[in-house]
Amino acid sequence: MASSSKGDDPSPALPGETARPPGPAAGRAQRLAGRVRPVLPGGGGRGRPAVLAELAILLLTLFVFQRVHAATGTDAAVATANARALQAVESALHLDIVPGMNRWLVEHPALVKPAVYYYRLYYAVVLGVLVWVFVRHAEVYRHVRRTLVAMCLLVLPVYWAVPMSPPRFALPGVVDVIAANDILGAHVSKEITAGQNVYSAMPSMHTAWSLWCAYAAWSALRVGNPRWALLPWLFPAGMIAVVFATGNHYVLDVAGSFVLLGLAVAVAAAWGSLSARRRGERPRAGRPLSP
């Protein structure tokens, strides 16, 4: 006879009997294992990488970006000369719209603080998009994460080669609204302090990171929700207007951000293809390759 015990471990079923489902304790153990598995190295499910491995990659990228960024573009005279040269090019191309947009913002003081908040709090959007794609759209997460990492690393040689003073420091008549309203109390001075670099306007990373957010959301939504996939691009559109109006970037800085994102996407795609070939995988139609 089968045991009549009601313990958590079901007894083996005899011929002709139906196996009993796991008890409550076994069910809890299975649910706990399901929650822990994605955190362990190599334990991500549904194509999702392990949380600890992802944190290590992202933190290392952030560390390298901040350290190298802080060490580049420390010559104010060179950065200002580069800014004046860039402004001359924009004037010749009739692209010198920053002074006019900055003047318009100053004339509408009620919009100054919202603009500064928009400029500063994009970090929350980047983090939110990264977590959302990781949790809800694992099929594209690796590709967009690789794009973010590539973007952060590709920009560093540009900062070293072309230090650039922002318009609020270099152009006469541009009002530095950030200095009086910065909610983080950072970058309010032309003087470089430890861990900061205020002469890295080219390209605009505020624009680049906002473009990455839109690209990541578009990548996640374009197959299942193509109509909604276009809405995320409103975020970088707003950021572009803000960096002009606050006097933080030139038109060509923003153009450089589009180039940077395009290069990062290409690097991420090549990186994913190489990784897939090493594992003998084939890309799935309509989806980026998993790294």
C-alpha atoms as a PDB file:
ATOM      1  CA  MET A   1       0.000   0.000   0.000  1.00  0.00           C
ATOM      2  CA  ALA A   2       1.048   3.571  -0.591  1.00  0.00           C
ATOM      3  CA  SER A   3       1.960   5.422   2.555  1.00  0.00           C
ATOM      4  CA  SER A   4      -0.813   7.531   4.042  1.00  0.00           C
ATOM      5  CA  SER A   5       1.681  10.130   5.277  1.00  0.00           C
ATOM      6  CA  LYS A   6       0.919  13.729   4.300  1.00  0.00           C
ATOM      7  CA  GLY A   7       4.536  14.904   4.421  1.00  0.00           C
ATOM      8  CA  ASP A   8       6.023  17.352   1.999  1.00  0.00           C
ATOM      9  CA  ASP A   9       7.833  14.703  -0.086  1.00  0.00           C
ATOM     10  CA  PRO A  10       5.312  12.677  -2.073  1.00  0.00           C
ATOM     11  CA  SER A  11       5.649   8.889  -1.946  1.00  0.00           C
ATOM     12  CA  PRO A  12       6.376   7.093  -5.210  1.00  0.00           C
ATOM     13  CA  ALA A  13       3.158   6.082  -6.925  1.00  0.00           C
ATOM     14  CA  LEU A  14       2.388   2.383  -7.199  1.00  0.00           C
ATOM     15  CA  PRO A  15       1.252   0.929 -10.521  1.00  0.00           C
ATOM     16  CA  GLY A  16      -2.233   2.207 -11.320  1.00  0.00           C
ATOM     17  CA  GLU A  17      -1.938   5.173  -8.913  1.00  0.00           C
ATOM     18  CA  THR A  18      -1.570   8.848  -9.800  1.00  0.00           C
ATOM     19  CA  ALA A  19       1.454  10.658  -8.400  1.00  0.00           C
ATOM     20  CA  ARG A  20       0.505  13.280  -5.852  1.00  0.00           C
ATOM     21  CA  PRO A  21       1.597  16.892  -6.485  1.00  0.00           C
ATOM     22  CA  PRO A  22       4.351  18.375  -4.320  1.00  0.00           C
ATOM     23  CA  GLY A  23       3.306  19.627  -0.921  1.00  0.00           C
ATOM     24  CA  PRO A  24       3.372  23.299   0.180  1.00  0.00           C
ATOM     25  CA  ALA A  25       6.979  23.212   1.366  1.00  0.00           C
ATOM     26  CA  ALA A  26       8.193  21.704  -1.908  1.00  0.00           C
ATOM     27  CA  GLY A  27       6.266  24.363  -3.854  1.00  0.00           C
ATOM     28  CA  ARG A  28       7.868  27.125  -1.801  1.00  0.00           C
ATOM     29  CA  ALA A  29      11.305  25.639  -2.394  1.00  0.00           C
ATOM     30  CA  GLN A  30      10.704  25.544  -6.141  1.00  0.00           C
ATOM     31  CA  ARG A  31       9.558  29.172  -6.179  1.00  0.00           C
ATOM     32  CA  LEU A  32      12.592  30.245  -4.150  1.00  0.00           C
ATOM     33  CA  ALA A  33      14.904  28.383  -6.519  1.00  0.00           C
ATOM     34  CA  GLY A  34      13.244  30.169  -9.436  1.00  0.00           C
ATOM     35  CA  ARG A  35      13.968  33.534  -7.831  1.00  0.00           C
ATOM     36  CA  VAL A  36      17.551  32.743  -6.895  1.00  0.00           C
ATOM     37  CA  ARG A  37      18.579  31.072 -10.154  1.00  0.00           C
ATOM     38  CA  PRO A  38      18.775  34.278 -12.257  1.00  0.00           C
ATOM     39  CA  VAL A  39      21.134  35.811  -9.685  1.00  0.00           C
ATOM     40  CA  LEU A  40      23.676  33.018  -9.902  1.00  0.00           C
ATOM     41  CA  PRO A  41      26.386  33.095 -12.597  1.00  0.00           C
ATOM     42  CA  GLY A  42      24.962  31.441 -15.683  1.00  0.00           C
ATOM     43  CA  GLY A  43      21.610  31.056 -13.965  1.00  0.00           C
ATOM     44  CA  GLY A  44      19.416  33.416 -16.013  1.00  0.00           C
ATOM     45  CA  GLY A  45      16.288  31.891 -17.473  1.00  0.00           C
ATOM     46  CA  ARG A  46      14.446  32.613 -20.726  1.00  0.00           C
ATOM     47  CA  GLY A  47      17.642  33.936 -22.293  1.00  0.00           C
ATOM     48  CA  ARG A  48      18.146  36.395 -19.435  1.00  0.00           C
ATOM     49  CA  PRO A  49      21.708  36.698 -18.109  1.00  0.00           C
ATOM     50  CA  ALA A  50      22.564  36.417 -14.427  1.00  0.00           C
ATOM     51  CA  VAL A  51      21.980  39.549 -12.358  1.00  0.00           C
ATOM     52  CA  LEU A  52      25.353  39.460 -10.592  1.00  0.00           C
ATOM     53  CA  ALA A  53      27.232  39.098 -13.869  1.00  0.00           C
ATOM     54  CA  GLU A  54      25.291  42.025 -15.353  1.00  0.00           C
ATOM     55  CA  LEU A  55      25.967  44.208 -12.334  1.00  0.00           C
ATOM     56  CA  ALA A  56      29.676  43.446 -12.598  1.00  0.00           C
ATOM     57  CA  ILE A  57      29.749  44.408 -16.301  1.00  0.00           C
ATOM     58  CA  LEU A  58      27.805  47.626 -15.795  1.00  0.00           C
ATOM     59  CA  LEU A  59      29.703  48.733 -12.701  1.00  0.00           C
ATOM     60  CA  LEU A  60      33.045  48.086 -14.397  1.00  0.00           C
ATOM     61  CA  THR A  61      31.919  50.093 -17.430  1.00  0.00           C
ATOM     62  CA  LEU A  62      30.765  52.957 -15.206  1.00  0.00           C
ATOM     63  CA  PHE A  63      34.040  52.922 -13.280  1.00  0.00           C
ATOM     64  CA  VAL A  64      36.166  53.043 -16.440  1.00  0.00           C
ATOM     65  CA  PHE A  65      33.986  55.754 -17.981  1.00  0.00           C
ATOM     66  CA  GLN A  66      34.117  57.999 -14.915  1.00  0.00           C
ATOM     67  CA  ARG A  67      37.843  57.603 -14.296  1.00  0.00           C
ATOM     68  CA  VAL A  68      38.910  58.158 -17.891  1.00  0.00           C
ATOM     69  CA  HIS A  69      36.360  60.929 -18.411  1.00  0.00           C
ATOM     70  CA  ALA A  70      37.655  62.793 -15.356  1.00  0.00           C
ATOM     71  CA  ALA A  71      41.237  62.536 -16.636  1.00  0.00           C
ATOM     72  CA  THR A  72      40.576  63.961 -20.122  1.00  0.00           C
ATOM     73  CA  GLY A  73      39.934  67.453 -21.417  1.00  0.00           C
ATOM     74  CA  THR A  74      41.530  69.341 -18.535  1.00  0.00           C
ATOM     75  CA  ASP A  75      42.939  72.247 -20.593  1.00  0.00           C
ATOM     76  CA  ALA A  76      40.438  75.115 -20.402  1.00  0.00           C
ATOM     77  CA  ALA A  77      42.236  77.198 -23.038  1.00  0.00           C
ATOM     78  CA  VAL A  78      42.191  74.370 -25.590  1.00  0.00           C
ATOM     79  CA  ALA A  79      38.571  73.522 -24.784  1.00  0.00           C
ATOM     80  CA  THR A  80      37.512  77.150 -25.257  1.00  0.00           C
ATOM     81  CA  ALA A  81      39.441  77.465 -28.521  1.00  0.00           C
ATOM     82  CA  ASN A  82      37.755  74.319 -29.822  1.00  0.00           C
ATOM     83  CA  ALA A  83      34.375  75.694 -28.775  1.00  0.00           C
ATOM     84  CA  ARG A  84      34.948  78.986 -30.613  1.00  0.00           C
ATOM     85  CA  ALA A  85      36.028  77.094 -33.744  1.00  0.00           C
ATOM     86  CA  LEU A  86      32.938  74.899 -33.588  1.00  0.00           C
ATOM     87  CA  GLN A  87      30.724  77.945 -33.132  1.00  0.00           C
ATOM     88  CA  ALA A  88      32.323  79.536 -36.197  1.00  0.00           C
ATOM     89  CA  VAL A  89      31.480  76.447 -38.248  1.00  0.00           C
ATOM     90  CA  GLU A  90      27.906  76.483 -36.981  1.00  0.00           C
ATOM     91  CA  SER A  91      27.581  80.169 -37.850  1.00  0.00           C
ATOM     92  CA  ALA A  92      28.819  79.501 -41.378  1.00  0.00           C
ATOM     93  CA  LEU A  93      26.252  76.687 -41.711  1.00  0.00           C
ATOM     94  CA  HIS A  94      23.488  78.813 -40.120  1.00  0.00           C
ATOM     95  CA  LEU A  95      23.203  76.333 -37.258  1.00  0.00           C
ATOM     96  CA  ASP A  96      23.988  78.741 -34.409  1.00  0.00           C
ATOM     97  CA  ILE A  97      20.612  78.429 -32.689  1.00  0.00           C
ATOM     98  CA  VAL A  98      21.847  77.921 -29.131  1.00  0.00           C
ATOM     99  CA  PRO A  99      22.077  81.616 -28.094  1.00  0.00           C
ATOM    100  CA  GLY A 100      18.544  82.262 -29.318  1.00  0.00           C
ATOM    101  CA  MET A 101      17.071  79.215 -27.532  1.00  0.00           C
ATOM    102  CA  ASN A 102      18.948  80.097 -24.366  1.00  0.00           C
ATOM    103  CA  ARG A 103      17.600  83.641 -24.498  1.00  0.00           C
ATOM    104  CA  TRP A 104      14.049  82.303 -24.958  1.00  0.00           C
ATOM    105  CA  LEU A 105      14.391  80.071 -21.886  1.00  0.00           C
ATOM    106  CA  VAL A 106      15.702  82.935 -19.757  1.00  0.00           C
ATOM    107  CA  GLU A 107      12.710  85.018 -20.821  1.00  0.00           C
ATOM    108  CA  HIS A 108      10.394  82.251 -19.531  1.00  0.00           C
ATOM    109  CA  PRO A 109      11.697  81.710 -15.958  1.00  0.00           C
ATOM    110  CA  ALA A 110       8.878  79.292 -15.074  1.00  0.00           C
ATOM    111  CA  LEU A 111      10.440  76.780 -17.472  1.00  0.00           C
ATOM    112  CA  VAL A 112      14.003  77.045 -16.158  1.00  0.00           C
ATOM    113  CA  LYS A 113      13.719  74.607 -13.250  1.00  0.00           C
ATOM    114  CA  PRO A 114      11.769  72.002 -15.264  1.00  0.00           C
ATOM    115  CA  ALA A 115      14.477  72.204 -17.919  1.00  0.00           C
ATOM    116  CA  VAL A 116      17.215  71.688 -15.324  1.00  0.00           C
ATOM    117  CA  TYR A 117      15.314  68.733 -13.823  1.00  0.00           C
ATOM    118  CA  TYR A 118      14.943  67.206 -17.286  1.00  0.00           C
ATOM    119  CA  TYR A 119      18.660  67.722 -17.892  1.00  0.00           C
ATOM    120  CA  ARG A 120      19.748  66.195 -14.599  1.00  0.00           C
ATOM    121  CA  LEU A 121      17.315  63.335 -13.916  1.00  0.00           C
ATOM    122  CA  TYR A 122      17.896  61.384 -17.110  1.00  0.00           C
ATOM    123  CA  TYR A 123      19.953  58.920 -15.032  1.00  0.00           C
ATOM    124  CA  ALA A 124      16.700  57.613 -13.555  1.00  0.00           C
ATOM    125  CA  VAL A 125      15.308  57.036 -17.040  1.00  0.00           C
ATOM    126  CA  VAL A 126      18.424  55.161 -18.167  1.00  0.00           C
ATOM    127  CA  LEU A 127      18.289  52.912 -15.112  1.00  0.00           C
ATOM    128  CA  GLY A 128      14.547  52.383 -15.441  1.00  0.00           C
ATOM    129  CA  VAL A 129      14.780  51.410 -19.112  1.00  0.00           C
ATOM    130  CA  LEU A 130      17.671  49.053 -18.405  1.00  0.00           C
ATOM    131  CA  VAL A 131      15.768  47.254 -15.631  1.00  0.00           C
ATOM    132  CA  TRP A 132      12.524  47.154 -17.648  1.00  0.00           C
ATOM    133  CA  VAL A 133      14.203  45.586 -20.674  1.00  0.00           C
ATOM    134  CA  PHE A 134      16.034  43.091 -18.451  1.00  0.00           C
ATOM    135  CA  VAL A 135      12.835  41.968 -16.713  1.00  0.00           C
ATOM    136  CA  ARG A 136      10.290  42.158 -19.536  1.00  0.00           C
ATOM    137  CA  HIS A 137      12.242  41.843 -22.781  1.00  0.00           C
ATOM    138  CA  ALA A 138      15.149  39.486 -22.219  1.00  0.00           C
ATOM    139  CA  GLU A 139      15.291  38.687 -25.947  1.00  0.00           C
ATOM    140  CA  VAL A 140      16.797  42.130 -26.699  1.00  0.00           C
ATOM    141  CA  TYR A 141      18.436  42.929 -23.353  1.00  0.00           C
ATOM    142  CA  ARG A 142      21.910  41.703 -24.201  1.00  0.00           C
ATOM    143  CA  HIS A 143      21.983  43.674 -27.440  1.00  0.00           C
ATOM    144  CA  VAL A 144      20.912  46.978 -25.886  1.00  0.00           C
ATOM    145  CA  ARG A 145      23.239  46.483 -22.910  1.00  0.00           C
ATOM    146  CA  ARG A 146      26.140  45.904 -25.274  1.00  0.00           C
ATOM    147  CA  THR A 147      25.128  49.049 -27.139  1.00  0.00           C
ATOM    148  CA  LEU A 148      25.228  51.041 -23.893  1.00  0.00           C
ATOM    149  CA  VAL A 149      28.642  49.664 -22.940  1.00  0.00           C
ATOM    150  CA  ALA A 150      30.057  50.296 -26.423  1.00  0.00           C
ATOM    151  CA  MET A 151      28.731  53.855 -26.403  1.00  0.00           C
ATOM    152  CA  CYS A 152      30.388  54.650 -23.064  1.00  0.00           C
ATOM    153  CA  LEU A 153      33.743  53.302 -24.230  1.00  0.00           C
ATOM    154  CA  LEU A 154      33.726  54.698 -27.771  1.00  0.00           C
ATOM    155  CA  VAL A 155      33.229  58.274 -26.570  1.00  0.00           C
ATOM    156  CA  LEU A 156      36.321  58.347 -24.359  1.00  0.00           C
ATOM    157  CA  PRO A 157      38.912  58.807 -27.171  1.00  0.00           C
ATOM    158  CA  VAL A 158      36.828  61.728 -28.476  1.00  0.00           C
ATOM    159  CA  TYR A 159      36.895  63.424 -25.086  1.00  0.00           C
ATOM    160  CA  TRP A 160      40.651  63.007 -24.999  1.00  0.00           C
ATOM    161  CA  ALA A 161      41.228  64.256 -28.564  1.00  0.00           C
ATOM    162  CA  VAL A 162      38.678  67.090 -28.675  1.00  0.00           C
ATOM    163  CA  PRO A 163      38.072  68.780 -25.311  1.00  0.00           C
ATOM    164  CA  MET A 164      35.125  71.126 -25.757  1.00  0.00           C
ATOM    165  CA  SER A 165      33.837  73.881 -23.535  1.00  0.00           C
ATOM    166  CA  PRO A 166      30.010  74.077 -23.397  1.00  0.00           C
ATOM    167  CA  PRO A 167      28.281  77.194 -24.753  1.00  0.00           C
ATOM    168  CA  ARG A 168      27.433  78.412 -21.236  1.00  0.00           C
ATOM    169  CA  PHE A 169      31.164  78.747 -20.571  1.00  0.00           C
ATOM    170  CA  ALA A 170      32.462  79.775 -23.986  1.00  0.00           C
ATOM    171  CA  LEU A 171      29.873  81.953 -25.744  1.00  0.00           C
ATOM    172  CA  PRO A 172      29.255  85.563 -24.738  1.00  0.00           C
ATOM    173  CA  GLY A 173      25.623  86.243 -23.967  1.00  0.00           C
ATOM    174  CA  VAL A 174      24.675  82.650 -23.096  1.00  0.00           C
ATOM    175  CA  VAL A 175      23.233  82.609 -19.576  1.00  0.00           C
ATOM    176  CA  ASP A 176      24.402  79.751 -17.362  1.00  0.00           C
ATOM    177  CA  VAL A 177      21.014  78.717 -15.946  1.00  0.00           C
ATOM    178  CA  ILE A 178      22.545  75.490 -14.629  1.00  0.00           C
ATOM    179  CA  ALA A 179      24.825  77.378 -12.228  1.00  0.00           C
ATOM    180  CA  ALA A 180      21.897  78.995 -10.417  1.00  0.00           C
ATOM    181  CA  ASN A 181      19.455  76.105 -10.538  1.00  0.00           C
ATOM    182  CA  ASP A 182      21.439  72.856 -10.541  1.00  0.00           C
ATOM    183  CA  ILE A 183      19.605  70.418  -8.279  1.00  0.00           C
ATOM    184  CA  LEU A 184      22.736  68.295  -7.879  1.00  0.00           C
ATOM    185  CA  GLY A 185      25.100  71.182  -7.166  1.00  0.00           C
ATOM    186  CA  ALA A 186      27.542  69.900  -9.786  1.00  0.00           C
ATOM    187  CA  HIS A 187      29.307  71.464 -12.776  1.00  0.00           C
ATOM    188  CA  VAL A 188      28.465  74.973 -11.631  1.00  0.00           C
ATOM    189  CA  SER A 189      32.041  76.169 -12.011  1.00  0.00           C
ATOM    190  CA  LYS A 190      34.488  76.308 -14.880  1.00  0.00           C
ATOM    191  CA  GLU A 191      37.163  75.004 -12.538  1.00  0.00           C
ATOM    192  CA  ILE A 192      37.803  71.272 -12.724  1.00  0.00           C
ATOM    193  CA  THR A 193      37.617  69.489  -9.389  1.00  0.00           C
ATOM    194  CA  ALA A 194      38.411  65.907  -8.468  1.00  0.00           C
ATOM    195  CA  GLY A 195      36.309  63.444 -10.433  1.00  0.00           C
ATOM    196  CA  GLN A 196      34.798  66.044 -12.756  1.00  0.00           C
ATOM    197  CA  ASN A 197      35.346  67.140 -16.343  1.00  0.00           C
ATOM    198  CA  VAL A 198      33.334  70.120 -17.526  1.00  0.00           C
ATOM    199  CA  TYR A 199      35.066  70.324 -20.924  1.00  0.00           C
ATOM    200  CA  SER A 200      33.463  67.342 -22.637  1.00  0.00           C
ATOM    201  CA  ALA A 201      30.641  68.865 -24.653  1.00  0.00           C
ATOM    202  CA  MET A 202      31.460  66.918 -27.833  1.00  0.00           C
ATOM    203  CA  PRO A 203      29.486  64.740 -28.269  1.00  0.00           C
ATOM    204  CA  SER A 204      26.539  65.351 -25.966  1.00  0.00           C
ATOM    205  CA  MET A 205      26.258  62.321 -23.710  1.00  0.00           C
ATOM    206  CA  HIS A 206      22.981  63.629 -22.301  1.00  0.00           C
ATOM    207  CA  THR A 207      21.626  63.316 -25.819  1.00  0.00           C
ATOM    208  CA  ALA A 208      23.417  60.012 -26.452  1.00  0.00           C
ATOM    209  CA  TRP A 209      22.060  58.363 -23.312  1.00  0.00           C
ATOM    210  CA  SER A 210      18.542  59.609 -24.038  1.00  0.00           C
ATOM    211  CA  LEU A 211      18.885  58.264 -27.590  1.00  0.00           C
ATOM    212  CA  TRP A 212      19.977  54.934 -26.126  1.00  0.00           C
ATOM    213  CA  CYS A 213      16.844  54.868 -23.937  1.00  0.00           C
ATOM    214  CA  ALA A 214      14.665  55.402 -26.995  1.00  0.00           C
ATOM    215  CA  TYR A 215      16.571  52.811 -29.012  1.00  0.00           C
ATOM    216  CA  ALA A 216      16.319  50.229 -26.221  1.00  0.00           C
ATOM    217  CA  ALA A 217      12.580  50.771 -25.784  1.00  0.00           C
ATOM    218  CA  TRP A 218      12.039  50.753 -29.549  1.00  0.00           C
ATOM    219  CA  SER A 219      13.977  47.475 -29.845  1.00  0.00           C
ATOM    220  CA  ALA A 220      11.778  45.910 -27.164  1.00  0.00           C
ATOM    221  CA  LEU A 221       8.468  47.147 -28.585  1.00  0.00           C
ATOM    222  CA  ARG A 222       8.918  47.211 -32.347  1.00  0.00           C
ATOM    223  CA  VAL A 223       7.768  43.614 -32.933  1.00  0.00           C
ATOM    224  CA  GLY A 224       4.881  43.229 -30.506  1.00  0.00           C
ATOM    225  CA  ASN A 225       3.773  46.878 -30.231  1.00  0.00           C
ATOM    226  CA  PRO A 226       5.022  48.779 -33.288  1.00  0.00           C
ATOM    227  CA  ARG A 227       2.769  51.802 -32.695  1.00  0.00           C
ATOM    228  CA  TRP A 228       4.019  52.298 -29.140  1.00  0.00           C
ATOM    229  CA  ALA A 229       7.602  51.791 -30.285  1.00  0.00           C
ATOM    230  CA  LEU A 230       7.764  55.320 -31.715  1.00  0.00           C
ATOM    231  CA  LEU A 231       6.778  57.112 -28.494  1.00  0.00           C
ATOM    232  CA  PRO A 232      10.146  56.626 -26.687  1.00  0.00           C
ATOM    233  CA  TRP A 233      11.803  58.861 -29.286  1.00  0.00           C
ATOM    234  CA  LEU A 234      10.027  61.831 -27.712  1.00  0.00           C
ATOM    235  CA  PHE A 235      12.445  61.580 -24.778  1.00  0.00           C
ATOM    236  CA  PRO A 236      15.619  62.396 -26.762  1.00  0.00           C
ATOM    237  CA  ALA A 237      13.684  65.056 -28.702  1.00  0.00           C
ATOM    238  CA  GLY A 238      12.972  66.798 -25.405  1.00  0.00           C
ATOM    239  CA  MET A 239      16.565  66.354 -24.260  1.00  0.00           C
ATOM    240  CA  ILE A 240      17.896  67.973 -27.431  1.00  0.00           C
ATOM    241  CA  ALA A 241      15.732  71.036 -26.841  1.00  0.00           C
ATOM    242  CA  VAL A 242      16.862  71.181 -23.194  1.00  0.00           C
ATOM    243  CA  VAL A 243      20.622  70.953 -23.866  1.00  0.00           C
ATOM    244  CA  PHE A 244      20.308  73.788 -26.391  1.00  0.00           C
ATOM    245  CA  ALA A 245      18.172  76.030 -24.194  1.00  0.00           C
ATOM    246  CA  THR A 246      20.340  75.546 -21.096  1.00  0.00           C
ATOM    247  CA  GLY A 247      23.489  76.343 -23.066  1.00  0.00           C
ATOM    248  CA  ASN A 248      25.108  72.961 -22.509  1.00  0.00           C
ATOM    249  CA  HIS A 249      25.677  71.787 -26.073  1.00  0.00           C
ATOM    250  CA  TYR A 250      26.041  72.911 -29.661  1.00  0.00           C
ATOM    251  CA  VAL A 251      24.102  71.579 -32.638  1.00  0.00           C
ATOM    252  CA  LEU A 252      27.135  69.635 -33.830  1.00  0.00           C
ATOM    253  CA  ASP A 253      27.501  68.083 -30.363  1.00  0.00           C
ATOM    254  CA  VAL A 254      24.042  66.576 -30.812  1.00  0.00           C
ATOM    255  CA  ALA A 255      24.891  65.432 -34.323  1.00  0.00           C
ATOM    256  CA  GLY A 256      27.907  63.677 -32.830  1.00  0.00           C
ATOM    257  CA  SER A 257      25.593  61.877 -30.399  1.00  0.00           C
ATOM    258  CA  PHE A 258      23.636  60.340 -33.284  1.00  0.00           C
ATOM    259  CA  VAL A 259      26.890  59.176 -34.855  1.00  0.00           C
ATOM    260  CA  LEU A 260      28.019  57.720 -31.519  1.00  0.00           C
ATOM    261  CA  LEU A 261      24.814  55.722 -31.098  1.00  0.00           C
ATOM    262  CA  GLY A 262      25.036  54.404 -34.661  1.00  0.00           C
ATOM    263  CA  LEU A 263      28.603  53.225 -34.114  1.00  0.00           C
ATOM    264  CA  ALA A 264      27.681  51.634 -30.778  1.00  0.00           C
ATOM    265  CA  VAL A 265      24.769  49.730 -32.354  1.00  0.00           C
ATOM    266  CA  ALA A 266      27.098  48.436 -35.078  1.00  0.00           C
ATOM    267  CA  VAL A 267      29.698  47.352 -32.517  1.00  0.00           C
ATOM    268  CA  ALA A 268      27.029  45.616 -30.402  1.00  0.00           C
ATOM    269  CA  ALA A 269      25.655  43.774 -33.436  1.00  0.00           C
ATOM    270  CA  ALA A 270      29.135  42.607 -34.488  1.00  0.00           C
ATOM    271  CA  TRP A 271      29.904  41.577 -30.918  1.00  0.00           C
ATOM    272  CA  GLY A 272      26.676  39.563 -30.723  1.00  0.00           C
ATOM    273  CA  SER A 273      27.319  37.885 -34.088  1.00  0.00           C
ATOM    274  CA  LEU A 274      30.796  36.853 -33.025  1.00  0.00           C
ATOM    275  CA  SER A 275      29.508  35.459 -29.733  1.00  0.00           C
ATOM    276  CA  ALA A 276      26.732  33.545 -31.499  1.00  0.00           C
ATOM    277  CA  ARG A 277      29.159  32.005 -33.987  1.00  0.00           C
ATOM    278  CA  ARG A 278      31.374  30.847 -31.152  1.00  0.00           C
ATOM    279  CA  ARG A 279      28.415  29.000 -29.664  1.00  0.00           C
ATOM    280  CA  GLY A 280      27.247  27.695 -33.005  1.00  0.00           C
ATOM    281  CA  GLU A 281      23.957  29.633 -32.844  1.00  0.00           C
ATOM    282  CA  ARG A 282      21.962  31.169 -35.656  1.00  0.00           C
ATOM    283  CA  PRO A 283      20.232  34.533 -35.361  1.00  0.00           C
ATOM    284  CA  ARG A 284      16.462  34.481 -34.991  1.00  0.00           C
ATOM    285  CA  ALA A 285      14.529  36.405 -37.609  1.00  0.00           C
ATOM    286  CA  GLY A 286      13.440  39.826 -36.419  1.00  0.00           C
ATOM    287  CA  ARG A 287      15.509  39.730 -33.220  1.00  0.00           C
ATOM    288  CA  PRO A 288      19.014  40.965 -32.386  1.00  0.00           C
ATOM    289  CA  LEU A 289      21.568  38.261 -31.777  1.00  0.00           C
ATOM    290  CA  SER A 290      22.124  37.335 -28.167  1.00  0.00           C
ATOM    291  CA  PRO A 291      25.681  38.139 -27.074  1.00  0.00           C
END
